[in-house]
Amino acid sequence: PVVLRRPTRAERGMVTAELAVVAPFGLVLAFLLAWVVSLGLTQVQLTDAAREAARLVARGESVKDAEAVARRQAPAGSRVVVERSDGLATVVVSVRQSFPLLPHVGSRQLEAQAVSAAEAP
């Protein structure tokens, strides 16, 4: 048989104290997870921007137009480099991503590259 007893006066605040100790760690973990997700989303944006710009250059569009398209699709502050050589169009899009609210903590350089063969007219 299970015997239930009432908590003593000294035990009544234990849950509150434990929660007060654990809650900040949960909050930090939530922020870290959000930051990792934002890094992943930024990487996807960079990849899409590089791929689209490489495709445009391979189709015969100007480098200037391809750079403009990549800048529109990439996150703000991204650097776009477009090169044509030997029938290939290479586009590199990069950006520095930092932790929200603390720009000097956990700053990462993210980069995506796409290469496309020139299409025949």
C-alpha atoms as a PDB file:
ATOM      1  CA  PRO A   1       0.000   0.000   0.000  1.00  0.00           C
ATOM      2  CA  VAL A   2       1.105   3.528  -0.837  1.00  0.00           C
ATOM      3  CA  VAL A   3       1.046   5.932   2.048  1.00  0.00           C
ATOM      4  CA  LEU A   4       0.702   9.606   1.152  1.00  0.00           C
ATOM      5  CA  ARG A   5       1.936  12.168   3.570  1.00  0.00           C
ATOM      6  CA  ARG A   6       1.645  15.897   3.576  1.00  0.00           C
ATOM      7  CA  PRO A   7       4.828  17.848   2.869  1.00  0.00           C
ATOM      8  CA  THR A   8       6.409  19.448   5.872  1.00  0.00           C
ATOM      9  CA  ARG A   9       6.817  23.184   6.132  1.00  0.00           C
ATOM     10  CA  ALA A  10      10.520  22.933   5.132  1.00  0.00           C
ATOM     11  CA  GLU A  11       9.662  20.992   1.921  1.00  0.00           C
ATOM     12  CA  ARG A  12       6.967  23.328   0.601  1.00  0.00           C
ATOM     13  CA  GLY A  13       9.311  25.731  -1.276  1.00  0.00           C
ATOM     14  CA  MET A  14      11.517  23.072  -2.892  1.00  0.00           C
ATOM     15  CA  VAL A  15       9.728  23.032  -6.257  1.00  0.00           C
ATOM     16  CA  THR A  16       9.905  26.797  -6.506  1.00  0.00           C
ATOM     17  CA  ALA A  17      13.605  26.804  -5.653  1.00  0.00           C
ATOM     18  CA  GLU A  18      14.361  24.051  -8.176  1.00  0.00           C
ATOM     19  CA  LEU A  19      12.415  25.873 -10.882  1.00  0.00           C
ATOM     20  CA  ALA A  20      14.268  29.106 -10.106  1.00  0.00           C
ATOM     21  CA  VAL A  21      17.579  27.300 -10.634  1.00  0.00           C
ATOM     22  CA  VAL A  22      16.579  25.391 -13.810  1.00  0.00           C
ATOM     23  CA  ALA A  23      14.575  28.138 -15.598  1.00  0.00           C
ATOM     24  CA  PRO A  24      17.599  30.255 -16.664  1.00  0.00           C
ATOM     25  CA  PHE A  25      19.233  27.188 -18.251  1.00  0.00           C
ATOM     26  CA  GLY A  26      16.031  26.454 -20.157  1.00  0.00           C
ATOM     27  CA  LEU A  27      15.916  30.031 -21.383  1.00  0.00           C
ATOM     28  CA  VAL A  28      19.544  29.910 -22.556  1.00  0.00           C
ATOM     29  CA  LEU A  29      18.881  26.600 -24.313  1.00  0.00           C
ATOM     30  CA  ALA A  30      15.846  28.104 -26.083  1.00  0.00           C
ATOM     31  CA  PHE A  31      17.936  31.066 -27.304  1.00  0.00           C
ATOM     32  CA  LEU A  32      20.706  28.757 -28.536  1.00  0.00           C
ATOM     33  CA  LEU A  33      18.233  26.588 -30.421  1.00  0.00           C
ATOM     34  CA  ALA A  34      16.663  29.663 -32.015  1.00  0.00           C
ATOM     35  CA  TRP A  35      20.125  30.874 -33.070  1.00  0.00           C
ATOM     36  CA  VAL A  36      21.014  27.515 -34.625  1.00  0.00           C
ATOM     37  CA  VAL A  37      17.723  27.502 -36.543  1.00  0.00           C
ATOM     38  CA  SER A  38      18.402  31.050 -37.764  1.00  0.00           C
ATOM     39  CA  LEU A  39      21.857  29.948 -38.974  1.00  0.00           C
ATOM     40  CA  GLY A  40      20.239  27.134 -40.945  1.00  0.00           C
ATOM     41  CA  LEU A  41      17.666  29.451 -42.510  1.00  0.00           C
ATOM     42  CA  THR A  42      20.371  31.961 -43.431  1.00  0.00           C
ATOM     43  CA  GLN A  43      22.418  29.192 -45.070  1.00  0.00           C
ATOM     44  CA  VAL A  44      19.393  28.181 -47.155  1.00  0.00           C
ATOM     45  CA  GLN A  45      18.903  31.804 -48.269  1.00  0.00           C
ATOM     46  CA  LEU A  46      22.565  32.049 -49.276  1.00  0.00           C
ATOM     47  CA  THR A  47      22.402  28.802 -51.231  1.00  0.00           C
ATOM     48  CA  ASP A  48      19.247  29.866 -53.074  1.00  0.00           C
ATOM     49  CA  ALA A  49      20.721  33.279 -53.930  1.00  0.00           C
ATOM     50  CA  ALA A  50      23.976  31.768 -55.241  1.00  0.00           C
ATOM     51  CA  ARG A  51      22.153  29.134 -57.294  1.00  0.00           C
ATOM     52  CA  GLU A  52      19.773  31.632 -58.880  1.00  0.00           C
ATOM     53  CA  ALA A  53      22.564  34.061 -59.781  1.00  0.00           C
ATOM     54  CA  ALA A  54      24.716  31.275 -61.285  1.00  0.00           C
ATOM     55  CA  ARG A  55      21.759  30.108 -63.357  1.00  0.00           C
ATOM     56  CA  LEU A  56      21.171  33.629 -64.690  1.00  0.00           C
ATOM     57  CA  VAL A  57      24.809  34.106 -65.686  1.00  0.00           C
ATOM     58  CA  ALA A  58      24.863  30.664 -67.338  1.00  0.00           C
ATOM     59  CA  ARG A  59      21.808  31.685 -69.391  1.00  0.00           C
ATOM     60  CA  GLY A  60      23.637  34.758 -70.677  1.00  0.00           C
ATOM     61  CA  GLU A  61      22.350  37.482 -68.333  1.00  0.00           C
ATOM     62  CA  SER A  62      24.796  40.174 -67.281  1.00  0.00           C
ATOM     63  CA  VAL A  63      26.906  39.779 -64.169  1.00  0.00           C
ATOM     64  CA  LYS A  64      25.425  43.016 -62.815  1.00  0.00           C
ATOM     65  CA  ASP A  65      21.853  41.660 -63.109  1.00  0.00           C
ATOM     66  CA  ALA A  66      22.849  38.363 -61.487  1.00  0.00           C
ATOM     67  CA  GLU A  67      24.487  40.204 -58.586  1.00  0.00           C
ATOM     68  CA  ALA A  68      21.340  42.297 -58.113  1.00  0.00           C
ATOM     69  CA  VAL A  69      19.156  39.166 -57.977  1.00  0.00           C
ATOM     70  CA  ALA A  70      21.512  37.505 -55.477  1.00  0.00           C
ATOM     71  CA  ARG A  71      21.531  40.593 -53.251  1.00  0.00           C
ATOM     72  CA  ARG A  72      17.716  40.692 -53.228  1.00  0.00           C
ATOM     73  CA  GLN A  73      17.453  37.031 -52.224  1.00  0.00           C
ATOM     74  CA  ALA A  74      20.327  36.952 -49.748  1.00  0.00           C
ATOM     75  CA  PRO A  75      20.144  38.361 -46.204  1.00  0.00           C
ATOM     76  CA  ALA A  76      20.970  42.039 -45.702  1.00  0.00           C
ATOM     77  CA  GLY A  77      24.680  42.775 -45.705  1.00  0.00           C
ATOM     78  CA  SER A  78      25.611  39.802 -47.874  1.00  0.00           C
ATOM     79  CA  ARG A  79      28.646  39.888 -50.146  1.00  0.00           C
ATOM     80  CA  VAL A  80      28.171  38.569 -53.689  1.00  0.00           C
ATOM     81  CA  VAL A  81      31.027  37.593 -56.033  1.00  0.00           C
ATOM     82  CA  VAL A  82      30.240  36.478 -59.601  1.00  0.00           C
ATOM     83  CA  GLU A  83      32.891  35.088 -61.961  1.00  0.00           C
ATOM     84  CA  ARG A  84      32.765  33.785 -65.524  1.00  0.00           C
ATOM     85  CA  SER A  85      35.552  31.591 -66.850  1.00  0.00           C
ATOM     86  CA  ASP A  86      35.934  28.638 -69.218  1.00  0.00           C
ATOM     87  CA  GLY A  87      32.209  28.308 -69.821  1.00  0.00           C
ATOM     88  CA  LEU A  88      31.367  28.219 -66.111  1.00  0.00           C
ATOM     89  CA  ALA A  89      29.556  30.743 -63.962  1.00  0.00           C
ATOM     90  CA  THR A  90      30.625  30.707 -60.316  1.00  0.00           C
ATOM     91  CA  VAL A  91      28.775  32.684 -57.656  1.00  0.00           C
ATOM     92  CA  VAL A  92      29.789  32.972 -54.000  1.00  0.00           C
ATOM     93  CA  VAL A  93      27.425  34.630 -51.523  1.00  0.00           C
ATOM     94  CA  SER A  94      28.551  35.183 -47.926  1.00  0.00           C
ATOM     95  CA  VAL A  95      27.397  36.982 -44.790  1.00  0.00           C
ATOM     96  CA  ARG A  96      28.476  37.286 -41.165  1.00  0.00           C
ATOM     97  CA  GLN A  97      25.740  36.098 -38.792  1.00  0.00           C
ATOM     98  CA  SER A  98      25.910  36.893 -35.088  1.00  0.00           C
ATOM     99  CA  PHE A  99      23.958  35.897 -32.004  1.00  0.00           C
ATOM    100  CA  PRO A 100      20.866  38.101 -31.498  1.00  0.00           C
ATOM    101  CA  LEU A 101      21.294  40.854 -28.897  1.00  0.00           C
ATOM    102  CA  LEU A 102      25.010  40.010 -28.490  1.00  0.00           C
ATOM    103  CA  PRO A 103      26.696  40.807 -31.822  1.00  0.00           C
ATOM    104  CA  HIS A 104      30.217  39.900 -30.674  1.00  0.00           C
ATOM    105  CA  VAL A 105      29.271  36.505 -29.245  1.00  0.00           C
ATOM    106  CA  GLY A 106      29.140  33.519 -31.568  1.00  0.00           C
ATOM    107  CA  SER A 107      29.613  35.452 -34.798  1.00  0.00           C
ATOM    108  CA  ARG A 108      29.878  33.076 -37.783  1.00  0.00           C
ATOM    109  CA  GLN A 109      30.778  33.615 -41.440  1.00  0.00           C
ATOM    110  CA  LEU A 110      28.328  31.702 -43.624  1.00  0.00           C
ATOM    111  CA  GLU A 111      28.980  31.088 -47.310  1.00  0.00           C
ATOM    112  CA  ALA A 112      27.356  29.358 -50.255  1.00  0.00           C
ATOM    113  CA  GLN A 113      28.792  28.678 -53.693  1.00  0.00           C
ATOM    114  CA  ALA A 114      27.053  27.657 -56.906  1.00  0.00           C
ATOM    115  CA  VAL A 115      28.573  26.739 -60.264  1.00  0.00           C
ATOM    116  CA  SER A 116      26.659  26.444 -63.507  1.00  0.00           C
ATOM    117  CA  ALA A 117      27.793  25.609 -67.033  1.00  0.00           C
ATOM    118  CA  ALA A 118      27.063  28.200 -69.707  1.00  0.00           C
ATOM    119  CA  GLU A 119      24.029  27.314 -71.782  1.00  0.00           C
ATOM    120  CA  ALA A 120      24.141  27.375 -75.553  1.00  0.00           C
ATOM    121  CA  PRO A 121      22.140  30.243 -77.085  1.00  0.00           C
END
